[in-house]
Amino acid sequence: MNINERIRKVRYAFDLSQAKFAERISISSSYISDLEKGSREVNERIIYLVIAKFNVNEQWLRSGKGSMLNENESVVISEAMGIMKSLNLNVQKSALKILNVLAEMDLTTKTLFEH
């Protein structure tokens, strides 16, 4: 598997269309299509963006060695982090408040079912 195919694999792991994946890394969907087909070379900027937005292991992306994601994070956590990074600070703060409410609800639900 080459780097172009590994980029496609990242996109599939996050269940994103080419358009959504391209939007997340700030490039055009036609560019992603060309990358995945192998008609464009993967440059350092694309590598950096995929690593930064999706918490992809650089060694895996470049060579296929190791695991796809850094720190053994789940795809869900990595996707959430990528989304959070793309938001402005005020929206990040609001999202964090919502996550805290959800965590409290989850804890309450667990407590209810333990008794």
N, C-alpha and C. Protein backbone atom coordinates (compact mmCIF):
# COMPACT_ATOMS: atom_id res chain seq x y z
N MET A 1 0.85 -1.17 0.00
CA MET A 1 0.00 0.00 0.00
C MET A 1 0.91 1.24 0.00
N ASN A 2 0.63 2.19 -0.88
CA ASN A 2 1.44 3.41 -0.94
C ASN A 2 0.77 4.53 -0.14
N ILE A 3 1.43 5.67 -0.05
CA ILE A 3 0.91 6.77 0.76
C ILE A 3 -0.44 7.28 0.27
N ASN A 4 -0.64 7.26 -1.04
CA ASN A 4 -1.93 7.68 -1.59
C ASN A 4 -3.05 6.78 -1.08
N GLU A 5 -2.79 5.48 -1.07
CA GLU A 5 -3.79 4.52 -0.58
C GLU A 5 -4.00 4.66 0.93
N ARG A 6 -2.93 5.01 1.65
CA ARG A 6 -3.09 5.20 3.09
C ARG A 6 -3.93 6.44 3.39
N ILE A 7 -3.82 7.47 2.57
CA ILE A 7 -4.68 8.66 2.75
C ILE A 7 -6.13 8.25 2.55
N ARG A 8 -6.41 7.45 1.53
CA ARG A 8 -7.77 6.96 1.32
C ARG A 8 -8.24 6.15 2.53
N LYS A 9 -7.35 5.34 3.08
CA LYS A 9 -7.69 4.52 4.23
C LYS A 9 -8.05 5.40 5.44
N VAL A 10 -7.34 6.50 5.62
CA VAL A 10 -7.68 7.45 6.70
C VAL A 10 -9.08 8.00 6.46
N ARG A 11 -9.35 8.41 5.24
CA ARG A 11 -10.67 8.96 4.92
C ARG A 11 -11.77 7.94 5.20
N TYR A 12 -11.56 6.70 4.80
CA TYR A 12 -12.53 5.64 5.06
C TYR A 12 -12.70 5.39 6.56
N ALA A 13 -11.59 5.42 7.30
CA ALA A 13 -11.66 5.17 8.75
C ALA A 13 -12.53 6.20 9.45
N PHE A 14 -12.53 7.43 8.95
CA PHE A 14 -13.34 8.48 9.54
C PHE A 14 -14.70 8.60 8.86
N ASP A 15 -14.97 7.71 7.93
CA ASP A 15 -16.26 7.66 7.23
C ASP A 15 -16.62 9.00 6.61
N LEU A 16 -15.65 9.58 5.88
CA LEU A 16 -15.86 10.88 5.25
C LEU A 16 -15.86 10.75 3.73
N SER A 17 -16.69 11.53 3.10
CA SER A 17 -16.66 11.62 1.64
C SER A 17 -15.38 12.36 1.26
N GLN A 18 -15.04 12.30 -0.01
CA GLN A 18 -13.87 13.05 -0.47
C GLN A 18 -14.07 14.54 -0.20
N ALA A 19 -15.28 15.03 -0.42
CA ALA A 19 -15.56 16.46 -0.21
C ALA A 19 -15.38 16.85 1.26
N LYS A 20 -15.91 16.05 2.18
CA LYS A 20 -15.80 16.36 3.61
C LYS A 20 -14.35 16.25 4.08
N PHE A 21 -13.64 15.22 3.61
CA PHE A 21 -12.24 15.04 3.97
C PHE A 21 -11.43 16.24 3.47
N ALA A 22 -11.65 16.63 2.23
CA ALA A 22 -10.95 17.76 1.63
C ALA A 22 -11.23 19.05 2.41
N GLU A 23 -12.49 19.23 2.79
CA GLU A 23 -12.87 20.41 3.57
C GLU A 23 -12.12 20.46 4.89
N ARG A 24 -12.00 19.31 5.54
CA ARG A 24 -11.33 19.26 6.84
C ARG A 24 -9.84 19.62 6.75
N ILE A 25 -9.21 19.33 5.60
CA ILE A 25 -7.79 19.67 5.47
C ILE A 25 -7.57 20.85 4.52
N SER A 26 -8.66 21.55 4.22
CA SER A 26 -8.60 22.82 3.46
C SER A 26 -8.00 22.69 2.07
N ILE A 27 -8.42 21.65 1.35
CA ILE A 27 -8.05 21.53 -0.06
C ILE A 27 -9.31 21.17 -0.85
N SER A 28 -9.20 21.12 -2.17
CA SER A 28 -10.37 20.81 -2.99
C SER A 28 -10.63 19.31 -3.04
N SER A 29 -11.88 18.95 -3.26
CA SER A 29 -12.22 17.52 -3.34
C SER A 29 -11.60 16.89 -4.59
N SER A 30 -11.42 17.66 -5.65
CA SER A 30 -10.79 17.11 -6.85
C SER A 30 -9.32 16.78 -6.57
N TYR A 31 -8.69 17.56 -5.71
CA TYR A 31 -7.30 17.28 -5.33
C TYR A 31 -7.22 15.95 -4.58
N ILE A 32 -8.17 15.72 -3.66
CA ILE A 32 -8.21 14.45 -2.93
C ILE A 32 -8.44 13.30 -3.90
N SER A 33 -9.36 13.49 -4.83
CA SER A 33 -9.63 12.46 -5.82
C SER A 33 -8.36 12.11 -6.60
N ASP A 34 -7.63 13.14 -7.03
CA ASP A 34 -6.38 12.92 -7.76
C ASP A 34 -5.34 12.22 -6.90
N LEU A 35 -5.26 12.60 -5.62
CA LEU A 35 -4.33 11.94 -4.70
C LEU A 35 -4.65 10.46 -4.57
N GLU A 36 -5.92 10.17 -4.35
CA GLU A 36 -6.33 8.78 -4.14
C GLU A 36 -6.13 7.94 -5.40
N LYS A 37 -6.28 8.54 -6.56
CA LYS A 37 -6.06 7.81 -7.82
C LYS A 37 -4.57 7.66 -8.13
N GLY A 38 -3.75 8.44 -7.43
CA GLY A 38 -2.32 8.39 -7.67
C GLY A 38 -1.85 9.30 -8.79
N SER A 39 -2.74 10.15 -9.29
CA SER A 39 -2.34 11.05 -10.37
C SER A 39 -1.70 12.34 -9.84
N ARG A 40 -1.67 12.49 -8.53
CA ARG A 40 -0.96 13.59 -7.87
C ARG A 40 -0.07 13.02 -6.79
N GLU A 41 1.07 13.66 -6.60
CA GLU A 41 1.99 13.28 -5.55
C GLU A 41 1.49 13.85 -4.22
N VAL A 42 1.73 13.13 -3.15
CA VAL A 42 1.41 13.61 -1.81
C VAL A 42 2.58 14.48 -1.36
N ASN A 43 2.31 15.76 -1.11
CA ASN A 43 3.39 16.65 -0.69
C ASN A 43 3.42 16.79 0.83
N GLU A 44 4.42 17.50 1.33
CA GLU A 44 4.61 17.66 2.77
C GLU A 44 3.43 18.38 3.43
N ARG A 45 2.84 19.33 2.73
CA ARG A 45 1.70 20.06 3.28
C ARG A 45 0.54 19.12 3.54
N ILE A 46 0.25 18.25 2.59
CA ILE A 46 -0.86 17.29 2.75
C ILE A 46 -0.55 16.34 3.90
N ILE A 47 0.68 15.86 3.97
CA ILE A 47 1.07 14.96 5.07
C ILE A 47 0.85 15.65 6.40
N TYR A 48 1.33 16.88 6.52
CA TYR A 48 1.17 17.62 7.77
C TYR A 48 -0.30 17.80 8.13
N LEU A 49 -1.12 18.18 7.17
CA LEU A 49 -2.55 18.42 7.43
C LEU A 49 -3.26 17.14 7.87
N VAL A 50 -2.98 16.02 7.23
CA VAL A 50 -3.61 14.75 7.60
C VAL A 50 -3.19 14.35 9.01
N ILE A 51 -1.91 14.52 9.31
CA ILE A 51 -1.40 14.18 10.65
C ILE A 51 -2.06 15.07 11.69
N ALA A 52 -2.11 16.38 11.43
CA ALA A 52 -2.63 17.34 12.41
C ALA A 52 -4.13 17.21 12.61
N LYS A 53 -4.88 17.07 11.55
CA LYS A 53 -6.34 17.06 11.66
C LYS A 53 -6.90 15.73 12.13
N PHE A 54 -6.21 14.63 11.84
CA PHE A 54 -6.77 13.32 12.16
C PHE A 54 -5.92 12.52 13.14
N ASN A 55 -4.88 13.15 13.70
CA ASN A 55 -4.01 12.49 14.68
C ASN A 55 -3.42 11.19 14.14
N VAL A 56 -3.03 11.24 12.87
CA VAL A 56 -2.45 10.07 12.20
C VAL A 56 -0.97 9.96 12.56
N ASN A 57 -0.53 8.74 12.75
CA ASN A 57 0.86 8.43 13.03
C ASN A 57 1.68 8.72 11.76
N GLU A 58 2.63 9.64 11.87
CA GLU A 58 3.43 10.04 10.71
C GLU A 58 4.17 8.87 10.08
N GLN A 59 4.74 8.01 10.91
CA GLN A 59 5.48 6.85 10.39
C GLN A 59 4.55 5.96 9.58
N TRP A 60 3.34 5.73 10.07
CA TRP A 60 2.39 4.90 9.34
C TRP A 60 2.02 5.55 8.02
N LEU A 61 1.74 6.85 8.05
CA LEU A 61 1.32 7.54 6.83
C LEU A 61 2.42 7.49 5.77
N ARG A 62 3.65 7.70 6.17
CA ARG A 62 4.76 7.72 5.21
C ARG A 62 5.18 6.32 4.74
N SER A 63 5.19 5.35 5.67
CA SER A 63 5.77 4.05 5.32
C SER A 63 4.84 2.85 5.49
N GLY A 64 3.74 3.05 6.21
CA GLY A 64 2.85 1.92 6.49
C GLY A 64 3.22 1.16 7.74
N LYS A 65 4.27 1.59 8.43
CA LYS A 65 4.72 0.89 9.64
C LYS A 65 4.03 1.47 10.87
N GLY A 66 3.67 0.60 11.80
CA GLY A 66 3.01 1.04 13.02
C GLY A 66 1.51 1.11 12.85
N SER A 67 0.85 1.76 13.81
CA SER A 67 -0.60 1.87 13.74
C SER A 67 -1.00 3.19 13.07
N MET A 68 -2.21 3.23 12.55
CA MET A 68 -2.68 4.40 11.82
C MET A 68 -2.73 5.64 12.71
N LEU A 69 -3.25 5.48 13.92
CA LEU A 69 -3.45 6.63 14.79
C LEU A 69 -2.39 6.70 15.88
N ASN A 70 -2.07 7.90 16.30
CA ASN A 70 -1.15 8.12 17.40
C ASN A 70 -1.79 7.73 18.72
N GLU A 71 -0.98 7.32 19.66
CA GLU A 71 -1.40 7.07 21.04
C GLU A 71 -2.58 6.11 21.15
N ASN A 72 -2.72 5.24 20.19
CA ASN A 72 -3.80 4.25 20.21
C ASN A 72 -5.18 4.86 20.44
N GLU A 73 -5.38 6.09 19.99
CA GLU A 73 -6.69 6.71 20.13
C GLU A 73 -7.67 6.07 19.16
N SER A 74 -8.91 6.08 19.55
CA SER A 74 -9.93 5.56 18.66
C SER A 74 -10.18 6.57 17.54
N VAL A 75 -10.77 6.10 16.47
CA VAL A 75 -11.12 6.96 15.35
C VAL A 75 -12.09 8.03 15.82
N VAL A 76 -13.01 7.68 16.71
CA VAL A 76 -14.00 8.64 17.19
C VAL A 76 -13.33 9.78 17.94
N ILE A 77 -12.39 9.47 18.82
CA ILE A 77 -11.68 10.51 19.57
C ILE A 77 -10.86 11.38 18.63
N SER A 78 -10.17 10.76 17.69
CA SER A 78 -9.37 11.53 16.74
C SER A 78 -10.24 12.44 15.89
N GLU A 79 -11.38 11.94 15.46
CA GLU A 79 -12.28 12.78 14.66
C GLU A 79 -12.79 13.95 15.49
N ALA A 80 -13.16 13.69 16.74
CA ALA A 80 -13.64 14.76 17.61
C ALA A 80 -12.55 15.82 17.81
N MET A 81 -11.32 15.38 18.00
CA MET A 81 -10.22 16.33 18.17
C MET A 81 -9.99 17.14 16.90
N GLY A 82 -10.09 16.50 15.76
CA GLY A 82 -9.93 17.23 14.50
C GLY A 82 -11.00 18.28 14.31
N ILE A 83 -12.22 17.93 14.67
CA ILE A 83 -13.32 18.90 14.57
C ILE A 83 -13.09 20.05 15.54
N MET A 84 -12.72 19.72 16.78
CA MET A 84 -12.48 20.77 17.78
C MET A 84 -11.40 21.74 17.31
N LYS A 85 -10.33 21.21 16.72
CA LYS A 85 -9.23 22.06 16.25
C LYS A 85 -9.67 23.01 15.15
N SER A 86 -10.70 22.63 14.39
CA SER A 86 -11.13 23.46 13.27
C SER A 86 -12.09 24.56 13.70
N LEU A 87 -12.56 24.53 14.95
CA LEU A 87 -13.53 25.51 15.44
C LEU A 87 -12.82 26.72 16.03
N ASN A 88 -13.53 27.87 16.02
CA ASN A 88 -12.93 29.03 16.69
C ASN A 88 -13.04 28.85 18.19
N LEU A 89 -12.30 29.65 18.94
CA LEU A 89 -12.17 29.46 20.38
C LEU A 89 -13.52 29.51 21.11
N ASN A 90 -14.39 30.44 20.75
CA ASN A 90 -15.69 30.53 21.43
C ASN A 90 -16.54 29.28 21.20
N VAL A 91 -16.51 28.77 20.00
CA VAL A 91 -17.27 27.55 19.71
C VAL A 91 -16.64 26.36 20.42
N GLN A 92 -15.31 26.31 20.50
CA GLN A 92 -14.64 25.25 21.26
C GLN A 92 -15.09 25.25 22.71
N LYS A 93 -15.18 26.43 23.31
CA LYS A 93 -15.62 26.53 24.71
C LYS A 93 -17.04 26.02 24.87
N SER A 94 -17.92 26.38 23.93
CA SER A 94 -19.31 25.91 23.98
C SER A 94 -19.37 24.39 23.82
N ALA A 95 -18.59 23.87 22.90
CA ALA A 95 -18.57 22.42 22.67
C ALA A 95 -18.07 21.69 23.92
N LEU A 96 -17.09 22.26 24.58
CA LEU A 96 -16.58 21.65 25.81
C LEU A 96 -17.64 21.61 26.90
N LYS A 97 -18.43 22.69 27.01
CA LYS A 97 -19.53 22.71 27.98
C LYS A 97 -20.53 21.60 27.67
N ILE A 98 -20.84 21.43 26.39
CA ILE A 98 -21.78 20.38 25.98
C ILE A 98 -21.22 19.00 26.32
N LEU A 99 -19.93 18.80 26.05
CA LEU A 99 -19.30 17.52 26.39
C LEU A 99 -19.34 17.25 27.89
N ASN A 100 -19.14 18.27 28.68
CA ASN A 100 -19.23 18.09 30.13
C ASN A 100 -20.63 17.69 30.57
N VAL A 101 -21.65 18.28 29.97
CA VAL A 101 -23.04 17.90 30.28
C VAL A 101 -23.27 16.45 29.88
N LEU A 102 -22.79 16.06 28.71
CA LEU A 102 -22.95 14.67 28.27
C LEU A 102 -22.22 13.70 29.20
N ALA A 103 -21.05 14.08 29.67
CA ALA A 103 -20.31 13.23 30.60
C ALA A 103 -21.07 13.07 31.91
N GLU A 104 -21.68 14.14 32.40
CA GLU A 104 -22.49 14.06 33.62
C GLU A 104 -23.70 13.16 33.40
N MET A 105 -24.33 13.30 32.24
CA MET A 105 -25.49 12.45 31.93
C MET A 105 -25.07 10.99 31.87
N ASP A 106 -23.91 10.71 31.29
CA ASP A 106 -23.42 9.34 31.19
C ASP A 106 -23.15 8.77 32.58
N LEU A 107 -22.55 9.57 33.44
CA LEU A 107 -22.27 9.14 34.80
C LEU A 107 -23.57 8.86 35.56
N THR A 108 -24.57 9.73 35.38
CA THR A 108 -25.86 9.54 36.03
C THR A 108 -26.52 8.26 35.55
N THR A 109 -26.45 8.01 34.25
CA THR A 109 -27.04 6.80 33.68
C THR A 109 -26.36 5.56 34.24
N LYS A 110 -25.05 5.58 34.34
CA LYS A 110 -24.31 4.44 34.88
C LYS A 110 -24.71 4.19 36.33
N THR A 111 -24.83 5.28 37.09
CA THR A 111 -25.20 5.18 38.52
C THR A 111 -26.59 4.58 38.66
N LEU A 112 -27.53 4.99 37.83
CA LEU A 112 -28.90 4.48 37.89
C LEU A 112 -28.96 2.97 37.65
N PHE A 113 -28.15 2.50 36.71
CA PHE A 113 -28.20 1.09 36.36
C PHE A 113 -27.38 0.20 37.29
N GLU A 114 -26.55 0.81 38.11
CA GLU A 114 -25.76 0.02 39.06
C GLU A 114 -26.59 -0.41 40.26
N HIS A 115 -27.68 0.28 40.54
CA HIS A 115 -28.49 -0.04 41.74
C HIS A 115 -29.61 -0.95 41.42
